[in-house]
Amino acid sequence: MMTGLSPQASLEEVLESFSIEHDVGTATLQKYLTAYPAFSNEIIDLSREMARTLAEDEEPLSEYDRRLISSAVTRIQNAPGKTMIDPFADLSAQKMRDISKALNLPRQVVMAFRERTVAAESIPQRFLSRFAELLQSSVQQLTTSLEQPPMAVAGSYKSDGKPRNVQKITFEQLLRDADLSEQDIATLMEEDI
């Protein structure tokens, strides 16, 4: 590739150009070492790091890596000018009942999702996938929605005190609050897909 790089290119420019090469084999490495001998140690280090990374990439992503990627995708999708799609926006009462029945959960659990009072990071991927499918949404859209602040739910009752911020709860706590059995909770908390 090296096109556009001047002989006076900075170390950062050279390393960036090398890192985006299609083939970082011996021939490409040699071209860079010949063109930029002053940066030879750094180029070799980058080459070794890239080779090691490529070998490591054959393993499945860890949960941490998946969340890191998910977080980056969320930031990109929520960049200024992007409109967030709320999978609950057009959720009718009948559709909510259907989802509750399909998931074998009380409607209060689905309502907690709709009101965004569930901490997104506490929800198993398997459950998120199934729920997103029932909402006819993507997992990313559902997660992005849940990461927003909880909705202010207006009640028709007078309060004795000032309204306070709603705290998000874990998925497991939501299931316990809905009086699900330990067996049902364990099944819903399973991570495998």
N, C-alpha and C. Protein backbone atom coordinates (compact mmCIF):
# COMPACT_ATOMS: atom_id res chain seq x y z
N MET A 1 0.86 -1.17 0.00
CA MET A 1 0.00 0.00 0.00
C MET A 1 0.90 1.23 0.00
N MET A 2 1.55 1.58 0.96
CA MET A 2 2.53 2.64 1.13
C MET A 2 2.34 3.85 0.22
N THR A 3 1.38 3.83 -0.68
CA THR A 3 1.17 4.98 -1.54
C THR A 3 0.73 6.16 -0.70
N GLY A 4 1.23 7.32 -1.08
CA GLY A 4 0.86 8.52 -0.37
C GLY A 4 1.75 8.83 0.81
N LEU A 5 2.59 7.90 1.22
CA LEU A 5 3.51 8.16 2.34
C LEU A 5 4.77 8.80 1.80
N SER A 6 5.15 9.89 2.39
CA SER A 6 6.39 10.55 1.96
C SER A 6 7.56 9.93 2.70
N PRO A 7 8.75 10.10 2.17
CA PRO A 7 9.94 9.58 2.86
C PRO A 7 10.11 10.22 4.24
N GLN A 8 9.51 11.38 4.46
CA GLN A 8 9.61 12.07 5.75
C GLN A 8 8.41 11.78 6.65
N ALA A 9 7.67 10.75 6.35
CA ALA A 9 6.48 10.43 7.14
C ALA A 9 6.86 10.19 8.60
N SER A 10 5.94 10.52 9.48
CA SER A 10 6.18 10.33 10.91
C SER A 10 6.03 8.85 11.27
N LEU A 11 6.54 8.50 12.43
CA LEU A 11 6.43 7.13 12.92
C LEU A 11 4.96 6.71 12.96
N GLU A 12 4.11 7.58 13.47
CA GLU A 12 2.69 7.26 13.57
C GLU A 12 2.08 6.98 12.20
N GLU A 13 2.42 7.79 11.20
CA GLU A 13 1.88 7.60 9.85
C GLU A 13 2.35 6.27 9.26
N VAL A 14 3.62 5.95 9.47
CA VAL A 14 4.19 4.71 8.93
C VAL A 14 3.52 3.49 9.59
N LEU A 15 3.38 3.52 10.91
CA LEU A 15 2.77 2.40 11.62
C LEU A 15 1.30 2.23 11.24
N GLU A 16 0.61 3.35 11.09
CA GLU A 16 -0.79 3.28 10.69
C GLU A 16 -0.93 2.68 9.30
N SER A 17 -0.06 3.13 8.38
CA SER A 17 -0.09 2.60 7.02
C SER A 17 0.20 1.10 7.02
N PHE A 18 1.20 0.69 7.80
CA PHE A 18 1.55 -0.73 7.87
C PHE A 18 0.40 -1.55 8.45
N SER A 19 -0.26 -1.01 9.45
CA SER A 19 -1.32 -1.76 10.13
C SER A 19 -2.54 -1.99 9.26
N ILE A 20 -2.73 -1.15 8.23
CA ILE A 20 -3.91 -1.33 7.37
C ILE A 20 -3.57 -2.03 6.06
N GLU A 21 -2.34 -2.50 5.94
CA GLU A 21 -1.96 -3.27 4.75
C GLU A 21 -2.81 -4.52 4.66
N HIS A 22 -3.14 -4.88 3.42
CA HIS A 22 -3.94 -6.09 3.20
C HIS A 22 -3.14 -7.33 3.56
N ASP A 23 -1.89 -7.38 3.14
CA ASP A 23 -1.03 -8.53 3.42
C ASP A 23 0.18 -8.02 4.19
N VAL A 24 0.30 -8.42 5.44
CA VAL A 24 1.43 -7.97 6.26
C VAL A 24 2.48 -9.07 6.38
N GLY A 25 2.69 -9.77 5.27
CA GLY A 25 3.67 -10.84 5.23
C GLY A 25 5.09 -10.29 5.13
N THR A 26 6.02 -11.18 4.86
CA THR A 26 7.44 -10.85 4.82
C THR A 26 7.75 -9.80 3.76
N ALA A 27 7.14 -9.91 2.58
CA ALA A 27 7.42 -8.96 1.49
C ALA A 27 7.03 -7.54 1.89
N THR A 28 5.86 -7.39 2.49
CA THR A 28 5.39 -6.06 2.92
C THR A 28 6.29 -5.53 4.03
N LEU A 29 6.61 -6.38 4.98
CA LEU A 29 7.50 -5.98 6.08
C LEU A 29 8.83 -5.49 5.53
N GLN A 30 9.38 -6.22 4.56
CA GLN A 30 10.67 -5.84 3.98
C GLN A 30 10.58 -4.48 3.27
N LYS A 31 9.47 -4.23 2.56
CA LYS A 31 9.29 -2.93 1.88
C LYS A 31 9.33 -1.79 2.89
N TYR A 32 8.63 -1.96 3.99
CA TYR A 32 8.59 -0.91 5.00
C TYR A 32 9.94 -0.73 5.68
N LEU A 33 10.62 -1.82 5.95
CA LEU A 33 11.94 -1.73 6.60
C LEU A 33 12.95 -1.04 5.69
N THR A 34 12.85 -1.30 4.39
CA THR A 34 13.74 -0.65 3.43
C THR A 34 13.41 0.83 3.29
N ALA A 35 12.12 1.15 3.22
CA ALA A 35 11.70 2.55 3.02
C ALA A 35 11.89 3.39 4.28
N TYR A 36 11.76 2.80 5.47
CA TYR A 36 11.82 3.55 6.73
C TYR A 36 12.75 2.86 7.73
N PRO A 37 14.05 2.82 7.44
CA PRO A 37 14.98 2.11 8.33
C PRO A 37 15.03 2.72 9.73
N ALA A 38 14.74 4.00 9.87
CA ALA A 38 14.78 4.65 11.18
C ALA A 38 13.71 4.09 12.12
N PHE A 39 12.65 3.53 11.55
CA PHE A 39 11.55 3.01 12.35
C PHE A 39 11.54 1.48 12.38
N SER A 40 12.63 0.85 12.03
CA SER A 40 12.64 -0.61 11.86
C SER A 40 12.22 -1.34 13.14
N ASN A 41 12.71 -0.92 14.30
CA ASN A 41 12.33 -1.61 15.54
C ASN A 41 10.83 -1.54 15.78
N GLU A 42 10.26 -0.36 15.58
CA GLU A 42 8.83 -0.17 15.82
C GLU A 42 7.99 -0.96 14.81
N ILE A 43 8.44 -0.98 13.55
CA ILE A 43 7.71 -1.72 12.51
C ILE A 43 7.74 -3.22 12.82
N ILE A 44 8.89 -3.71 13.22
CA ILE A 44 9.02 -5.14 13.57
C ILE A 44 8.14 -5.47 14.77
N ASP A 45 8.15 -4.59 15.78
CA ASP A 45 7.30 -4.82 16.96
C ASP A 45 5.82 -4.89 16.56
N LEU A 46 5.40 -3.96 15.70
CA LEU A 46 4.01 -3.94 15.25
C LEU A 46 3.70 -5.21 14.46
N SER A 47 4.60 -5.62 13.62
CA SER A 47 4.42 -6.84 12.83
C SER A 47 4.23 -8.05 13.73
N ARG A 48 5.06 -8.15 14.75
CA ARG A 48 4.94 -9.27 15.70
C ARG A 48 3.61 -9.22 16.45
N GLU A 49 3.23 -8.03 16.89
CA GLU A 49 1.97 -7.87 17.61
C GLU A 49 0.78 -8.26 16.73
N MET A 50 0.83 -7.84 15.47
CA MET A 50 -0.26 -8.17 14.55
C MET A 50 -0.32 -9.68 14.30
N ALA A 51 0.84 -10.32 14.17
CA ALA A 51 0.88 -11.77 13.94
C ALA A 51 0.31 -12.50 15.15
N ARG A 52 0.66 -12.03 16.34
CA ARG A 52 0.15 -12.65 17.56
C ARG A 52 -1.36 -12.44 17.67
N THR A 53 -1.82 -11.24 17.35
CA THR A 53 -3.25 -10.93 17.41
C THR A 53 -4.03 -11.79 16.44
N LEU A 54 -3.49 -11.98 15.22
CA LEU A 54 -4.17 -12.81 14.24
C LEU A 54 -4.31 -14.24 14.74
N ALA A 55 -3.30 -14.76 15.40
CA ALA A 55 -3.35 -16.12 15.92
C ALA A 55 -4.38 -16.21 17.06
N GLU A 56 -4.44 -15.17 17.88
CA GLU A 56 -5.38 -15.17 19.01
C GLU A 56 -6.81 -15.01 18.54
N ASP A 57 -7.02 -14.39 17.37
CA ASP A 57 -8.37 -14.12 16.88
C ASP A 57 -9.13 -15.38 16.51
N GLU A 58 -8.47 -16.51 16.45
CA GLU A 58 -9.14 -17.74 16.09
C GLU A 58 -10.00 -18.26 17.24
N GLU A 59 -9.79 -17.76 18.43
CA GLU A 59 -10.59 -18.18 19.58
C GLU A 59 -11.89 -17.37 19.61
N PRO A 60 -12.95 -17.95 20.19
CA PRO A 60 -14.20 -17.18 20.30
C PRO A 60 -14.00 -15.97 21.23
N LEU A 61 -14.80 -14.95 20.99
CA LEU A 61 -14.71 -13.73 21.80
C LEU A 61 -15.16 -14.01 23.23
N SER A 62 -14.47 -13.37 24.16
CA SER A 62 -14.88 -13.48 25.56
C SER A 62 -16.09 -12.59 25.80
N GLU A 63 -16.74 -12.76 26.90
CA GLU A 63 -17.90 -11.93 27.25
C GLU A 63 -17.47 -10.46 27.34
N TYR A 64 -16.28 -10.23 27.90
CA TYR A 64 -15.76 -8.86 28.02
C TYR A 64 -15.59 -8.24 26.63
N ASP A 65 -15.01 -9.01 25.68
CA ASP A 65 -14.81 -8.51 24.32
C ASP A 65 -16.14 -8.21 23.64
N ARG A 66 -17.13 -9.11 23.83
CA ARG A 66 -18.44 -8.88 23.22
C ARG A 66 -19.08 -7.61 23.76
N ARG A 67 -18.96 -7.39 25.07
CA ARG A 67 -19.55 -6.18 25.66
C ARG A 67 -18.81 -4.93 25.20
N LEU A 68 -17.49 -5.04 25.03
CA LEU A 68 -16.69 -3.92 24.54
C LEU A 68 -17.13 -3.56 23.12
N ILE A 69 -17.31 -4.56 22.29
CA ILE A 69 -17.76 -4.33 20.91
C ILE A 69 -19.17 -3.77 20.92
N SER A 70 -20.03 -4.34 21.74
CA SER A 70 -21.41 -3.86 21.83
C SER A 70 -21.46 -2.40 22.27
N SER A 71 -20.61 -2.06 23.22
CA SER A 71 -20.55 -0.68 23.70
C SER A 71 -20.11 0.26 22.59
N ALA A 72 -19.11 -0.15 21.81
CA ALA A 72 -18.63 0.69 20.71
C ALA A 72 -19.72 0.86 19.66
N VAL A 73 -20.41 -0.22 19.34
CA VAL A 73 -21.48 -0.15 18.35
C VAL A 73 -22.58 0.78 18.85
N THR A 74 -22.90 0.70 20.12
CA THR A 74 -23.92 1.57 20.71
C THR A 74 -23.52 3.04 20.59
N ARG A 75 -22.26 3.34 20.91
CA ARG A 75 -21.79 4.73 20.79
C ARG A 75 -21.89 5.22 19.36
N ILE A 76 -21.54 4.36 18.41
CA ILE A 76 -21.62 4.75 16.99
C ILE A 76 -23.07 4.96 16.58
N GLN A 77 -23.93 4.02 16.99
CA GLN A 77 -25.33 4.14 16.61
C GLN A 77 -26.02 5.33 17.27
N ASN A 78 -25.55 5.73 18.44
CA ASN A 78 -26.16 6.85 19.14
C ASN A 78 -25.43 8.16 18.89
N ALA A 79 -24.56 8.16 17.90
CA ALA A 79 -23.82 9.39 17.58
C ALA A 79 -24.83 10.47 17.17
N PRO A 80 -24.44 11.74 17.35
CA PRO A 80 -25.36 12.82 16.96
C PRO A 80 -25.84 12.62 15.53
N GLY A 81 -27.11 12.87 15.33
CA GLY A 81 -27.68 12.70 14.00
C GLY A 81 -28.33 11.33 13.81
N LYS A 82 -28.06 10.41 14.72
CA LYS A 82 -28.67 9.09 14.62
C LYS A 82 -29.93 9.08 15.48
N THR A 83 -30.96 8.45 15.01
CA THR A 83 -32.21 8.35 15.76
C THR A 83 -32.27 6.97 16.40
N MET A 84 -32.53 6.95 17.69
CA MET A 84 -32.64 5.66 18.38
C MET A 84 -34.01 5.07 18.07
N ILE A 85 -34.01 3.79 17.76
CA ILE A 85 -35.26 3.08 17.51
C ILE A 85 -35.67 2.40 18.81
N ASP A 86 -36.84 2.77 19.30
CA ASP A 86 -37.34 2.19 20.54
C ASP A 86 -38.22 0.99 20.20
N PRO A 87 -37.75 -0.22 20.53
CA PRO A 87 -38.54 -1.40 20.19
C PRO A 87 -39.87 -1.49 20.94
N PHE A 88 -40.05 -0.67 21.96
CA PHE A 88 -41.28 -0.69 22.74
C PHE A 88 -42.27 0.40 22.32
N ALA A 89 -41.86 1.25 21.37
CA ALA A 89 -42.65 2.42 21.01
C ALA A 89 -44.08 2.06 20.59
N ASP A 90 -44.24 1.05 19.78
CA ASP A 90 -45.57 0.69 19.28
C ASP A 90 -46.08 -0.61 19.88
N LEU A 91 -45.67 -0.89 21.10
CA LEU A 91 -46.05 -2.15 21.75
C LEU A 91 -47.47 -2.02 22.32
N SER A 92 -48.41 -2.72 21.70
CA SER A 92 -49.79 -2.67 22.16
C SER A 92 -49.95 -3.57 23.39
N ALA A 93 -51.06 -3.41 24.08
CA ALA A 93 -51.35 -4.24 25.26
C ALA A 93 -51.44 -5.70 24.86
N GLN A 94 -52.05 -5.98 23.70
CA GLN A 94 -52.18 -7.36 23.23
C GLN A 94 -50.80 -7.95 22.92
N LYS A 95 -49.96 -7.18 22.28
CA LYS A 95 -48.62 -7.65 21.94
C LYS A 95 -47.82 -7.92 23.23
N MET A 96 -48.01 -7.07 24.22
CA MET A 96 -47.32 -7.26 25.50
C MET A 96 -47.79 -8.57 26.15
N ARG A 97 -49.07 -8.85 26.09
CA ARG A 97 -49.59 -10.11 26.63
C ARG A 97 -49.00 -11.30 25.87
N ASP A 98 -48.93 -11.17 24.55
CA ASP A 98 -48.38 -12.25 23.73
C ASP A 98 -46.92 -12.52 24.06
N ILE A 99 -46.15 -11.46 24.25
CA ILE A 99 -44.73 -11.61 24.60
C ILE A 99 -44.59 -12.24 25.98
N SER A 100 -45.39 -11.77 26.93
CA SER A 100 -45.37 -12.34 28.29
C SER A 100 -45.66 -13.83 28.24
N LYS A 101 -46.64 -14.20 27.45
CA LYS A 101 -47.03 -15.61 27.34
C LYS A 101 -45.92 -16.42 26.66
N ALA A 102 -45.35 -15.88 25.59
CA ALA A 102 -44.29 -16.59 24.86
C ALA A 102 -43.05 -16.80 25.73
N LEU A 103 -42.76 -15.83 26.59
CA LEU A 103 -41.60 -15.94 27.47
C LEU A 103 -41.94 -16.63 28.79
N ASN A 104 -43.22 -16.88 28.99
CA ASN A 104 -43.71 -17.50 30.23
C ASN A 104 -43.33 -16.64 31.44
N LEU A 105 -43.59 -15.35 31.31
CA LEU A 105 -43.27 -14.38 32.37
C LEU A 105 -44.48 -13.53 32.68
N PRO A 106 -44.57 -13.04 33.92
CA PRO A 106 -45.65 -12.09 34.24
C PRO A 106 -45.47 -10.79 33.45
N ARG A 107 -46.56 -10.13 33.15
CA ARG A 107 -46.48 -8.88 32.37
C ARG A 107 -45.67 -7.80 33.07
N GLN A 108 -45.58 -7.86 34.40
CA GLN A 108 -44.79 -6.85 35.11
C GLN A 108 -43.32 -6.89 34.69
N VAL A 109 -42.84 -8.07 34.29
CA VAL A 109 -41.45 -8.18 33.83
C VAL A 109 -41.29 -7.46 32.50
N VAL A 110 -42.23 -7.69 31.58
CA VAL A 110 -42.19 -7.02 30.28
C VAL A 110 -42.35 -5.51 30.47
N MET A 111 -43.21 -5.11 31.41
CA MET A 111 -43.38 -3.68 31.71
C MET A 111 -42.09 -3.05 32.21
N ALA A 112 -41.34 -3.78 33.03
CA ALA A 112 -40.07 -3.25 33.54
C ALA A 112 -39.10 -3.00 32.40
N PHE A 113 -39.13 -3.88 31.38
CA PHE A 113 -38.29 -3.66 30.20
C PHE A 113 -38.76 -2.42 29.45
N ARG A 114 -40.07 -2.31 29.29
CA ARG A 114 -40.63 -1.17 28.57
C ARG A 114 -40.28 0.15 29.27
N GLU A 115 -40.31 0.13 30.60
CA GLU A 115 -40.01 1.34 31.38
C GLU A 115 -38.51 1.54 31.58
N ARG A 116 -37.70 0.60 31.05
CA ARG A 116 -36.23 0.66 31.09
C ARG A 116 -35.69 0.68 32.52
N THR A 117 -36.30 -0.11 33.40
CA THR A 117 -35.82 -0.16 34.79
C THR A 117 -34.91 -1.37 35.03
N VAL A 118 -34.60 -2.12 33.95
CA VAL A 118 -33.73 -3.29 34.06
C VAL A 118 -32.34 -2.91 33.58
N ALA A 119 -31.32 -3.26 34.35
CA ALA A 119 -29.93 -2.99 33.96
C ALA A 119 -29.57 -3.91 32.79
N ALA A 120 -29.30 -3.33 31.64
CA ALA A 120 -29.06 -4.10 30.41
C ALA A 120 -27.92 -5.10 30.56
N GLU A 121 -26.86 -4.72 31.26
CA GLU A 121 -25.70 -5.60 31.39
C GLU A 121 -25.96 -6.83 32.24
N SER A 122 -27.08 -6.85 32.95
CA SER A 122 -27.39 -8.00 33.82
C SER A 122 -28.24 -9.07 33.11
N ILE A 123 -28.61 -8.81 31.88
CA ILE A 123 -29.52 -9.71 31.17
C ILE A 123 -28.70 -10.70 30.33
N PRO A 124 -28.96 -11.99 30.49
CA PRO A 124 -28.23 -12.98 29.68
C PRO A 124 -28.50 -12.80 28.19
N GLN A 125 -27.47 -13.03 27.40
CA GLN A 125 -27.55 -12.85 25.95
C GLN A 125 -28.66 -13.73 25.34
N ARG A 126 -28.80 -14.92 25.85
CA ARG A 126 -29.81 -15.84 25.33
C ARG A 126 -31.21 -15.25 25.47
N PHE A 127 -31.50 -14.68 26.65
CA PHE A 127 -32.81 -14.09 26.89
C PHE A 127 -32.99 -12.85 26.01
N LEU A 128 -31.95 -12.01 25.93
CA LEU A 128 -32.03 -10.81 25.10
C LEU A 128 -32.36 -11.16 23.65
N SER A 129 -31.72 -12.19 23.14
CA SER A 129 -31.96 -12.60 21.75
C SER A 129 -33.41 -13.01 21.54
N ARG A 130 -33.93 -13.80 22.46
CA ARG A 130 -35.32 -14.28 22.35
C ARG A 130 -36.30 -13.10 22.48
N PHE A 131 -36.05 -12.23 23.42
CA PHE A 131 -36.93 -11.08 23.64
C PHE A 131 -36.91 -10.15 22.42
N ALA A 132 -35.72 -9.88 21.89
CA ALA A 132 -35.60 -9.02 20.71
C ALA A 132 -36.35 -9.62 19.52
N GLU A 133 -36.26 -10.93 19.38
CA GLU A 133 -36.96 -11.62 18.29
C GLU A 133 -38.47 -11.42 18.43
N LEU A 134 -38.99 -11.56 19.64
CA LEU A 134 -40.42 -11.37 19.87
C LEU A 134 -40.86 -9.92 19.63
N LEU A 135 -39.96 -8.99 19.89
CA LEU A 135 -40.25 -7.58 19.66
C LEU A 135 -40.06 -7.19 18.18
N GLN A 136 -39.57 -8.15 17.40
CA GLN A 136 -39.22 -7.90 16.00
C GLN A 136 -38.22 -6.75 15.92
N SER A 137 -37.19 -6.90 16.74
CA SER A 137 -36.14 -5.90 16.87
C SER A 137 -34.80 -6.61 16.87
N SER A 138 -33.73 -5.85 16.84
CA SER A 138 -32.41 -6.45 16.97
C SER A 138 -31.99 -6.40 18.44
N VAL A 139 -31.06 -7.27 18.79
CA VAL A 139 -30.54 -7.27 20.16
C VAL A 139 -29.91 -5.91 20.46
N GLN A 140 -29.22 -5.35 19.47
CA GLN A 140 -28.56 -4.05 19.67
C GLN A 140 -29.59 -2.95 19.94
N GLN A 141 -30.69 -2.94 19.21
CA GLN A 141 -31.72 -1.92 19.44
C GLN A 141 -32.33 -2.08 20.82
N LEU A 142 -32.57 -3.32 21.22
CA LEU A 142 -33.14 -3.58 22.54
C LEU A 142 -32.16 -3.14 23.63
N THR A 143 -30.90 -3.50 23.48
CA THR A 143 -29.88 -3.12 24.47
C THR A 143 -29.74 -1.61 24.54
N THR A 144 -29.69 -0.96 23.40
CA THR A 144 -29.57 0.50 23.36
C THR A 144 -30.74 1.16 24.07
N SER A 145 -31.93 0.63 23.85
CA SER A 145 -33.12 1.16 24.52
C SER A 145 -33.01 1.01 26.03
N LEU A 146 -32.58 -0.18 26.47
CA LEU A 146 -32.49 -0.46 27.91
C LEU A 146 -31.40 0.37 28.59
N GLU A 147 -30.40 0.79 27.83
CA GLU A 147 -29.31 1.58 28.41
C GLU A 147 -29.71 3.05 28.63
N GLN A 148 -30.85 3.44 28.10
CA GLN A 148 -31.35 4.80 28.31
C GLN A 148 -31.86 4.94 29.74
N PRO A 149 -31.98 6.17 30.23
CA PRO A 149 -32.51 6.36 31.60
C PRO A 149 -33.93 5.80 31.70
N PRO A 150 -34.30 5.35 32.90
CA PRO A 150 -35.67 4.83 33.09
C PRO A 150 -36.72 5.86 32.72
N MET A 151 -37.83 5.37 32.22
CA MET A 151 -38.93 6.26 31.86
C MET A 151 -39.58 6.80 33.13
N ALA A 152 -40.05 8.02 33.06
CA ALA A 152 -40.81 8.59 34.16
C ALA A 152 -42.25 8.11 33.98
N VAL A 153 -42.70 7.27 34.88
CA VAL A 153 -44.04 6.73 34.78
C VAL A 153 -44.97 7.60 35.61
N ALA A 154 -45.93 8.18 34.93
CA ALA A 154 -46.86 9.07 35.62
C ALA A 154 -47.99 8.25 36.21
N GLY A 155 -48.17 8.38 37.48
CA GLY A 155 -49.25 7.67 38.15
C GLY A 155 -50.43 8.60 38.38
N SER A 156 -51.55 8.02 38.72
CA SER A 156 -52.73 8.84 38.95
C SER A 156 -52.99 9.00 40.44
N TYR A 157 -51.98 8.71 41.25
CA TYR A 157 -52.15 8.81 42.69
C TYR A 157 -51.31 9.94 43.25
N LYS A 158 -51.76 10.50 44.32
CA LYS A 158 -50.98 11.55 44.97
C LYS A 158 -49.89 10.90 45.80
N SER A 159 -48.80 11.60 45.89
CA SER A 159 -47.65 11.07 46.62
C SER A 159 -47.46 11.89 47.89
N ASP A 160 -46.93 11.24 48.91
CA ASP A 160 -46.62 11.95 50.14
C ASP A 160 -45.27 12.67 50.07
N GLY A 161 -44.44 12.28 49.11
CA GLY A 161 -43.10 12.86 49.01
C GLY A 161 -42.79 13.27 47.58
N LYS A 162 -41.58 13.85 47.44
CA LYS A 162 -41.13 14.26 46.12
C LYS A 162 -40.80 13.03 45.28
N PRO A 163 -40.97 13.16 43.95
CA PRO A 163 -40.57 12.05 43.09
C PRO A 163 -39.05 11.89 43.17
N ARG A 164 -38.59 10.66 43.09
CA ARG A 164 -37.15 10.44 43.14
C ARG A 164 -36.73 9.66 41.91
N ASN A 165 -35.44 9.64 41.66
CA ASN A 165 -34.93 8.92 40.50
C ASN A 165 -35.17 7.43 40.67
N VAL A 166 -35.62 6.80 39.61
CA VAL A 166 -35.83 5.36 39.62
C VAL A 166 -34.47 4.69 39.41
N GLN A 167 -34.14 3.75 40.26
CA GLN A 167 -32.88 3.01 40.13
C GLN A 167 -33.13 1.75 39.32
N LYS A 168 -32.20 1.45 38.42
CA LYS A 168 -32.32 0.23 37.65
C LYS A 168 -31.99 -0.97 38.54
N ILE A 169 -32.65 -2.08 38.25
CA ILE A 169 -32.39 -3.30 39.02
C ILE A 169 -31.86 -4.37 38.07
N THR A 170 -31.25 -5.38 38.64
CA THR A 170 -30.74 -6.47 37.81
C THR A 170 -31.89 -7.33 37.32
N PHE A 171 -31.62 -8.03 36.25
CA PHE A 171 -32.62 -8.94 35.69
C PHE A 171 -33.01 -9.99 36.71
N GLU A 172 -32.03 -10.53 37.41
CA GLU A 172 -32.30 -11.56 38.41
C GLU A 172 -33.20 -11.01 39.52
N GLN A 173 -32.94 -9.78 39.97
CA GLN A 173 -33.77 -9.18 41.02
C GLN A 173 -35.19 -8.96 40.51
N LEU A 174 -35.32 -8.56 39.26
CA LEU A 174 -36.65 -8.38 38.66
C LEU A 174 -37.43 -9.69 38.69
N LEU A 175 -36.75 -10.77 38.35
CA LEU A 175 -37.41 -12.08 38.35
C LEU A 175 -37.82 -12.49 39.77
N ARG A 176 -36.95 -12.20 40.74
CA ARG A 176 -37.27 -12.52 42.14
C ARG A 176 -38.47 -11.67 42.62
N ASP A 177 -38.48 -10.39 42.26
CA ASP A 177 -39.58 -9.50 42.65
C ASP A 177 -40.90 -9.96 42.03
N ALA A 178 -40.82 -10.65 40.88
CA ALA A 178 -42.02 -11.15 40.21
C ALA A 178 -42.44 -12.51 40.77
N ASP A 179 -41.76 -12.96 41.83
CA ASP A 179 -42.06 -14.22 42.51
C ASP A 179 -41.93 -15.45 41.62
N LEU A 180 -40.93 -15.46 40.74
CA LEU A 180 -40.67 -16.65 39.95
C LEU A 180 -39.95 -17.68 40.81
N SER A 181 -40.10 -18.94 40.48
CA SER A 181 -39.44 -20.00 41.25
C SER A 181 -37.93 -19.96 40.98
N GLU A 182 -37.18 -20.53 41.90
CA GLU A 182 -35.71 -20.59 41.74
C GLU A 182 -35.36 -21.33 40.46
N GLN A 183 -36.11 -22.38 40.15
CA GLN A 183 -35.86 -23.16 38.93
C GLN A 183 -36.06 -22.29 37.69
N ASP A 184 -37.16 -21.52 37.65
CA ASP A 184 -37.43 -20.65 36.51
C ASP A 184 -36.36 -19.56 36.40
N ILE A 185 -35.96 -19.01 37.52
CA ILE A 185 -34.91 -17.97 37.52
C ILE A 185 -33.61 -18.55 36.96
N ALA A 186 -33.23 -19.72 37.44
CA ALA A 186 -32.00 -20.36 36.96
C ALA A 186 -32.05 -20.60 35.46
N THR A 187 -33.18 -21.05 34.97
CA THR A 187 -33.34 -21.30 33.53
C THR A 187 -33.21 -20.00 32.73
N LEU A 188 -33.85 -18.94 33.20
CA LEU A 188 -33.80 -17.66 32.50
C LEU A 188 -32.42 -16.99 32.56
N MET A 189 -31.65 -17.31 33.60
CA MET A 189 -30.33 -16.70 33.77
C MET A 189 -29.24 -17.44 33.00
N GLU A 190 -29.57 -18.55 32.35
CA GLU A 190 -28.56 -19.29 31.59
C GLU A 190 -28.00 -18.42 30.48
N GLU A 191 -26.68 -18.46 30.31
CA GLU A 191 -25.99 -17.60 29.35
C GLU A 191 -25.89 -18.20 27.95
N ASP A 192 -25.82 -19.53 27.83
CA ASP A 192 -25.54 -20.11 26.52
C ASP A 192 -26.66 -19.85 25.55
N ILE A 193 -26.25 -19.76 24.29
CA ILE A 193 -27.22 -19.47 23.22
C ILE A 193 -27.43 -20.73 22.42
